[in-house]
């Protein structure tokens, strides 16, 4: 499938519901091909456990 300009497009297909073992090499390819900079950006946006604990405490004492 491509656009009228001939640019290839992704095509959605149903995912098999059948469980299967994923070879280690396939997992390594998936996890290690992710952009390291993107992973760092995502991690910067995540709350630390201490921040989550403070939020949880604040929910119960009205200081939220």
Protein backbone atom coordinates (compact mmCIF):
# COMPACT_ATOMS: atom_id res chain seq x y z
CA UNK A 1 0.00 0.00 0.00
CA UNK A 2 1.29 3.44 -0.87
CA UNK A 3 0.15 7.02 -1.30
CA UNK A 4 -0.60 8.53 -4.72
CA UNK A 5 2.98 9.88 -4.61
CA UNK A 6 4.29 6.33 -4.23
CA UNK A 7 5.31 6.79 -0.57
CA UNK A 8 4.94 3.51 1.32
CA UNK A 9 2.38 3.44 4.12
CA UNK A 10 1.98 1.15 7.09
CA UNK A 11 -0.84 -1.32 6.80
CA UNK A 12 -2.85 -2.41 9.83
CA UNK A 13 -3.46 -6.10 10.21
CA UNK A 14 -5.07 -8.14 12.99
CA UNK A 15 -2.66 -9.53 15.54
CA UNK A 16 -2.74 -13.25 16.11
CA UNK A 17 -4.25 -14.16 19.46
CA UNK A 18 -2.22 -17.35 19.52
CA UNK A 19 0.46 -17.29 22.20
CA UNK A 20 3.97 -18.09 21.11
CA UNK A 21 7.47 -18.09 22.48
CA UNK A 22 9.48 -15.12 21.30
CA UNK A 23 13.10 -15.95 20.48
CA UNK A 24 15.69 -14.06 22.51
CA UNK A 25 17.20 -12.53 19.37
CA UNK A 26 13.79 -11.07 18.42
CA UNK A 27 13.35 -9.53 21.88
CA UNK A 28 16.84 -8.07 21.79
CA UNK A 29 16.12 -6.54 18.40
CA UNK A 30 12.90 -4.95 19.69
CA UNK A 31 14.35 -3.60 22.93
CA UNK A 32 17.78 -2.55 21.70
CA UNK A 33 16.60 -0.86 18.50
CA UNK A 34 14.56 1.71 20.44
CA UNK A 35 16.00 5.21 20.26
CA UNK A 36 18.04 5.71 23.45
CA UNK A 37 17.25 9.44 23.50
CA UNK A 38 13.54 8.69 23.43
CA UNK A 39 13.90 6.28 26.35
CA UNK A 40 15.75 8.97 28.33
CA UNK A 41 12.98 11.51 27.58
CA UNK A 42 10.31 9.08 28.73
CA UNK A 43 12.23 8.31 31.93
CA UNK A 44 12.65 12.02 32.70
CA UNK A 45 8.89 12.44 32.58
CA UNK A 46 8.18 9.56 34.96
CA UNK A 47 7.66 10.21 38.65
CA UNK A 48 10.06 8.67 41.16
CA UNK A 49 8.76 6.36 43.89
CA UNK A 50 9.27 9.16 46.44
CA UNK A 51 7.14 11.53 44.34
CA UNK A 52 4.45 8.89 43.98
CA UNK A 53 4.48 8.31 47.76
CA UNK A 54 4.09 12.06 48.42
CA UNK A 55 1.17 12.23 45.99
CA UNK A 56 -0.45 9.23 47.63
CA UNK A 57 -0.05 10.74 51.10
CA UNK A 58 -1.41 14.09 49.91
CA UNK A 59 -4.53 12.41 48.52
CA UNK A 60 -5.47 11.31 52.02
CA UNK A 61 -4.53 14.40 54.03
CA UNK A 62 -6.18 17.00 51.79
CA UNK A 63 -2.96 18.77 50.68
CA UNK A 64 -3.18 17.54 47.11
